[in-house]
Amino acid sequence: MLTITPLSNLSADIANMKIAEAYLWYSICEKCIGEMKDTIAAEERKMAELLTTEEILEAQKLASDDDKKPVQPTSLRFPRHPSATLKA
């Protein structure tokens, strides 16, 4: 037997599906971000092995500047932090 769902119930069902779909995407993103954090941390450790303590401290200082401005890339390949300047 064919059952016809009233339009009012259909709207609620669609809204619930959209909420469930949004939740699904948030869950997927959360999982991906967790994996990315692990990869970034591993690569950061590898790079730290190549730096002196002074270089690491300077990089950490630049990364934590409170007055950071959005990074404007100088090219697509080499973005630069606004406070990173060449010293003569």
Foldseek 3Di string as FASTA:
>chain_A
DDDDDDPVVVVVVVVVVVVVVVVVVVVVVVVVVVVVVVVVVVVVVVVVVVDDPVVVVVVVCLVPDPPWDDWDQPDPVGIDGPVDDDDD
